[in-house]
């Protein structure tokens, strides 16, 4: 099986303080620097389980981008990385005392991936393409992701979508995301409990799928529910 993903490959900086942070002073911490990004992580996990995986992404033409690509390739991931003038993205993750995570993100070059950057051969033989919602939040990456889905569907491949981020969903708008889901018609939809709470309509989509309505009917049903959600909470709820 060949699993692919389209989206972020970023520098991941994880900071786990030893105790409470001291304002305007030093705090001892464990700090890890490595590769991250939901699309990249999906491919890395697939490769670690012995599956073929392929990442389509965009990184800066810089040391960070070259190192991250090399690390993924060393882990068995086939990487198709478009090089960009913008810097490779980065995410800083602060680990709280109870294990909770707070993230600050600079998405950098990844969101600039364009439809014209894609090559049809990158999607030949793909059995499933994974699309993080992060890849749908911003243009031109969103159009590139939709195009990738279309190419995989032409080869009878399947599609999975991960809702990715509560903040991202709220900013993007639940009804707008439901329109995307109806358009993409994912075979699999991933969400945390918090993401499901932010997107109750998406869960309606899942229930319709499980009930045997099929992706198209489920998408149509979800869009009808989304229209009601807009009336109640607005496209960008606080």
Protein backbone atom coordinates (compact mmCIF):
# COMPACT_ATOMS: atom_id res chain seq x y z
CA UNK A 1 0.00 0.00 0.00
CA UNK A 2 1.21 3.49 -0.84
CA UNK A 3 0.12 6.25 1.55
CA UNK A 4 0.67 9.90 0.68
CA UNK A 5 0.14 13.25 2.35
CA UNK A 6 0.21 16.85 1.17
CA UNK A 7 1.11 19.74 3.43
CA UNK A 8 3.51 20.92 6.08
CA UNK A 9 7.07 19.87 6.75
CA UNK A 10 8.34 22.24 9.44
CA UNK A 11 10.98 22.59 12.10
CA UNK A 12 9.51 21.41 15.40
CA UNK A 13 10.95 22.93 18.61
CA UNK A 14 9.53 21.30 21.75
CA UNK A 15 10.16 22.95 25.13
CA UNK A 16 9.34 21.12 28.37
CA UNK A 17 10.18 23.40 31.33
CA UNK A 18 11.33 21.85 34.59
CA UNK A 19 8.86 23.65 36.84
CA UNK A 20 7.02 26.93 36.48
CA UNK A 21 8.26 29.43 33.90
CA UNK A 22 10.01 32.42 35.48
CA UNK A 23 9.07 35.73 33.90
CA UNK A 24 12.10 37.74 32.75
CA UNK A 25 14.44 35.00 33.99
CA UNK A 26 15.86 31.58 33.10
CA UNK A 27 13.95 28.33 33.52
CA UNK A 28 15.68 24.96 33.04
CA UNK A 29 13.98 22.90 30.34
CA UNK A 30 14.30 19.89 28.08
CA UNK A 31 14.39 21.18 24.48
CA UNK A 32 14.09 19.00 21.38
CA UNK A 33 14.51 20.15 17.79
CA UNK A 34 13.37 17.96 14.92
CA UNK A 35 10.95 17.60 12.05
CA UNK A 36 7.23 18.20 12.38
CA UNK A 37 4.07 19.14 10.56
CA UNK A 38 0.98 16.95 10.43
CA UNK A 39 1.48 15.81 6.83
CA UNK A 40 5.14 14.95 7.48
CA UNK A 41 4.30 13.16 10.74
CA UNK A 42 1.67 11.05 8.97
CA UNK A 43 4.24 9.89 6.43
CA UNK A 44 6.90 9.27 9.07
CA UNK A 45 4.51 7.15 11.15
CA UNK A 46 3.42 5.16 8.08
CA UNK A 47 7.04 4.47 7.13
CA UNK A 48 7.88 3.42 10.70
CA UNK A 49 5.11 0.81 10.45
CA UNK A 50 6.60 -0.58 7.26
CA UNK A 51 4.23 1.07 4.77
CA UNK A 52 5.35 2.96 1.67
CA UNK A 53 4.77 6.67 2.17
CA UNK A 54 5.15 9.78 0.05
CA UNK A 55 5.10 13.43 1.14
CA UNK A 56 4.33 16.33 -1.19
CA UNK A 57 5.41 19.58 0.42
CA UNK A 58 7.13 22.94 0.00
CA UNK A 59 10.14 24.02 2.06
CA UNK A 60 12.57 26.89 2.06
CA UNK A 61 15.76 26.66 0.04
CA UNK A 62 17.66 26.74 3.33
CA UNK A 63 19.59 24.50 5.70
CA UNK A 64 16.49 23.69 7.75
CA UNK A 65 14.54 22.53 4.70
CA UNK A 66 17.38 20.40 3.38
CA UNK A 67 17.93 18.78 6.77
CA UNK A 68 14.25 18.01 7.33
CA UNK A 69 13.90 16.42 3.89
CA UNK A 70 17.04 14.34 4.45
CA UNK A 71 15.78 13.13 7.84
CA UNK A 72 12.46 12.01 6.39
CA UNK A 73 14.14 10.25 3.48
CA UNK A 74 16.47 8.48 5.90
CA UNK A 75 13.34 7.23 7.68
CA UNK A 76 12.02 5.67 4.49
CA UNK A 77 9.69 8.45 3.30
CA UNK A 78 9.69 9.42 -0.38
CA UNK A 79 9.69 13.23 -0.37
CA UNK A 80 8.74 15.54 -3.23
CA UNK A 81 9.67 18.98 -1.90
CA UNK A 82 9.28 22.16 -3.91
CA UNK A 83 12.02 24.64 -2.95
CA UNK A 84 10.96 28.18 -2.08
CA UNK A 85 12.48 31.59 -1.43
CA UNK A 86 10.53 31.84 1.84
CA UNK A 87 12.04 30.19 4.93
CA UNK A 88 11.06 26.70 6.01
CA UNK A 89 8.21 26.85 8.52
CA UNK A 90 8.65 26.30 12.25
CA UNK A 91 6.48 25.46 15.23
CA UNK A 92 7.37 26.00 18.89
CA UNK A 93 5.57 23.66 21.30
CA UNK A 94 5.49 24.52 24.99
CA UNK A 95 4.66 21.56 27.23
CA UNK A 96 2.71 22.48 30.38
CA UNK A 97 2.99 20.82 33.83
CA UNK A 98 0.09 18.48 33.05
CA UNK A 99 1.30 17.59 29.57
CA UNK A 100 -0.91 20.13 27.81
CA UNK A 101 0.63 21.68 24.69
CA UNK A 102 0.65 25.31 23.58
CA UNK A 103 1.85 25.95 20.05
CA UNK A 104 3.17 28.98 18.23
CA UNK A 105 3.35 28.46 14.47
CA UNK A 106 5.14 30.10 11.57
CA UNK A 107 4.02 28.07 8.56
CA UNK A 108 6.58 29.60 6.24
CA UNK A 109 7.11 28.14 2.77
CA UNK A 110 4.59 25.30 3.10
CA UNK A 111 1.45 27.36 2.46
CA UNK A 112 2.83 28.58 -0.87
CA UNK A 113 2.55 25.19 -2.59
CA UNK A 114 0.65 25.77 -5.86
CA UNK A 115 -1.38 23.54 -8.14
CA UNK A 116 1.14 24.16 -10.92
CA UNK A 117 3.91 22.81 -8.66
CA UNK A 118 2.32 19.35 -8.64
CA UNK A 119 3.41 16.60 -11.00
CA UNK A 120 0.89 13.88 -11.94
CA UNK A 121 3.48 11.13 -11.41
CA UNK A 122 3.66 12.01 -7.71
CA UNK A 123 0.14 10.65 -7.30
CA UNK A 124 0.31 7.57 -9.49
CA UNK A 125 -0.35 4.41 -7.49
CA UNK A 126 -1.37 6.23 -4.31
CA UNK A 127 -3.86 4.11 -2.37
CA UNK A 128 -4.73 6.85 0.13
CA UNK A 129 -3.87 10.53 0.41
CA UNK A 130 -4.02 12.20 3.81
CA UNK A 131 -5.04 15.86 3.86
CA UNK A 132 -4.66 17.77 7.14
CA UNK A 133 -7.13 20.63 7.51
CA UNK A 134 -4.03 22.81 7.81
CA UNK A 135 -3.62 22.17 4.07
CA UNK A 136 -7.11 23.59 3.44
CA UNK A 137 -6.98 26.72 5.59
CA UNK A 138 -4.76 28.84 3.30
CA UNK A 139 -4.34 29.47 -0.40
CA UNK A 140 -2.65 28.54 -2.67
CA UNK A 141 -1.97 25.33 -0.69
CA UNK A 142 -5.72 24.60 -0.43
CA UNK A 143 -6.14 24.53 -4.21
CA UNK A 144 -3.06 22.31 -4.53
CA UNK A 145 -4.51 19.91 -1.94
CA UNK A 146 -7.85 19.71 -3.78
CA UNK A 147 -6.00 19.03 -7.04
CA UNK A 148 -4.00 16.25 -5.36
CA UNK A 149 -7.23 14.68 -4.12
CA UNK A 150 -8.67 14.77 -7.65
CA UNK A 151 -5.60 13.03 -9.07
CA UNK A 152 -5.69 10.31 -6.41
CA UNK A 153 -9.42 9.78 -6.99
CA UNK A 154 -8.74 9.31 -10.73
CA UNK A 155 -6.52 6.39 -9.73
CA UNK A 156 -9.29 5.01 -7.49
CA UNK A 157 -7.40 5.95 -4.35
CA UNK A 158 -9.02 6.96 -1.08
CA UNK A 159 -8.86 10.18 0.92
CA UNK A 160 -8.54 10.91 4.63
CA UNK A 161 -8.89 14.32 6.27
CA UNK A 162 -7.81 15.38 9.76
CA UNK A 163 -9.55 18.41 11.29
CA UNK A 164 -6.14 19.38 12.74
CA UNK A 165 -6.85 22.40 14.97
CA UNK A 166 -9.71 23.92 16.96
CA UNK A 167 -8.31 27.43 16.48
CA UNK A 168 -7.87 26.83 12.77
CA UNK A 169 -11.44 25.52 12.41
CA UNK A 170 -12.90 28.46 14.32
CA UNK A 171 -10.94 30.97 12.24
CA UNK A 172 -11.78 29.21 8.99
CA UNK A 173 -15.46 28.76 9.88
CA UNK A 174 -17.30 25.47 10.57
CA UNK A 175 -19.75 25.89 7.67
CA UNK A 176 -16.93 26.70 5.28
CA UNK A 177 -15.05 23.59 6.37
CA UNK A 178 -18.17 21.49 5.89
CA UNK A 179 -18.36 22.80 2.34
CA UNK A 180 -14.77 21.62 1.86
CA UNK A 181 -15.61 18.19 3.28
CA UNK A 182 -18.62 17.89 0.99
CA UNK A 183 -16.39 18.77 -1.95
CA UNK A 184 -13.54 16.41 -1.03
CA UNK A 185 -15.83 13.59 0.22
CA UNK A 186 -13.23 11.95 2.51
CA UNK A 187 -13.46 8.23 3.14
CA UNK A 188 -12.00 8.74 6.62
CA UNK A 189 -12.31 11.79 8.87
CA UNK A 190 -10.12 12.23 11.96
CA UNK A 191 -10.91 14.57 14.87
CA UNK A 192 -10.05 15.00 18.52
CA UNK A 193 -12.91 15.47 20.99
CA UNK A 194 -12.22 19.22 21.06
CA UNK A 195 -12.21 19.43 17.26
CA UNK A 196 -15.47 17.47 17.14
CA UNK A 197 -17.00 19.96 19.59
CA UNK A 198 -15.87 22.82 17.35
CA UNK A 199 -17.26 21.04 14.29
CA UNK A 200 -20.45 19.18 15.29
CA UNK A 201 -21.49 19.19 11.66
CA UNK A 202 -18.43 17.13 10.76
CA UNK A 203 -19.55 14.49 13.21
CA UNK A 204 -22.94 14.49 11.49
CA UNK A 205 -21.03 13.76 8.28
CA UNK A 206 -19.31 10.79 9.96
CA UNK A 207 -22.58 9.42 11.30
CA UNK A 208 -24.11 9.61 7.83
CA UNK A 209 -21.13 7.71 6.40
CA UNK A 210 -21.33 5.00 9.07
CA UNK A 211 -25.08 4.72 8.46
CA UNK A 212 -24.32 3.75 4.88
CA UNK A 213 -25.44 6.89 3.09
CA UNK A 214 -22.21 7.10 1.09
CA UNK A 215 -19.82 10.07 0.84
CA UNK A 216 -21.92 12.11 -1.60
CA UNK A 217 -25.21 11.79 0.31
CA UNK A 218 -23.39 12.34 3.60
CA UNK A 219 -21.71 15.47 2.24
CA UNK A 220 -25.02 16.84 1.00
CA UNK A 221 -26.63 16.15 4.37
CA UNK A 222 -23.73 17.78 6.22
CA UNK A 223 -23.96 20.93 4.12
CA UNK A 224 -27.65 21.28 4.99
CA UNK A 225 -26.80 21.04 8.69
CA UNK A 226 -23.91 23.49 8.23
CA UNK A 227 -26.30 26.11 6.85
CA UNK A 228 -28.23 25.95 10.12
CA UNK A 229 -24.99 26.18 12.10
CA UNK A 230 -24.08 29.42 10.32
CA UNK A 231 -27.38 30.94 11.36
CA UNK A 232 -26.79 29.99 14.99
CA UNK A 233 -23.09 30.63 15.57
CA UNK A 234 -21.89 32.53 12.52
CA UNK A 235 -19.15 31.66 10.08
CA UNK A 236 -16.43 32.76 12.52
CA UNK A 237 -17.68 32.11 16.06
CA UNK A 238 -15.77 33.57 18.99
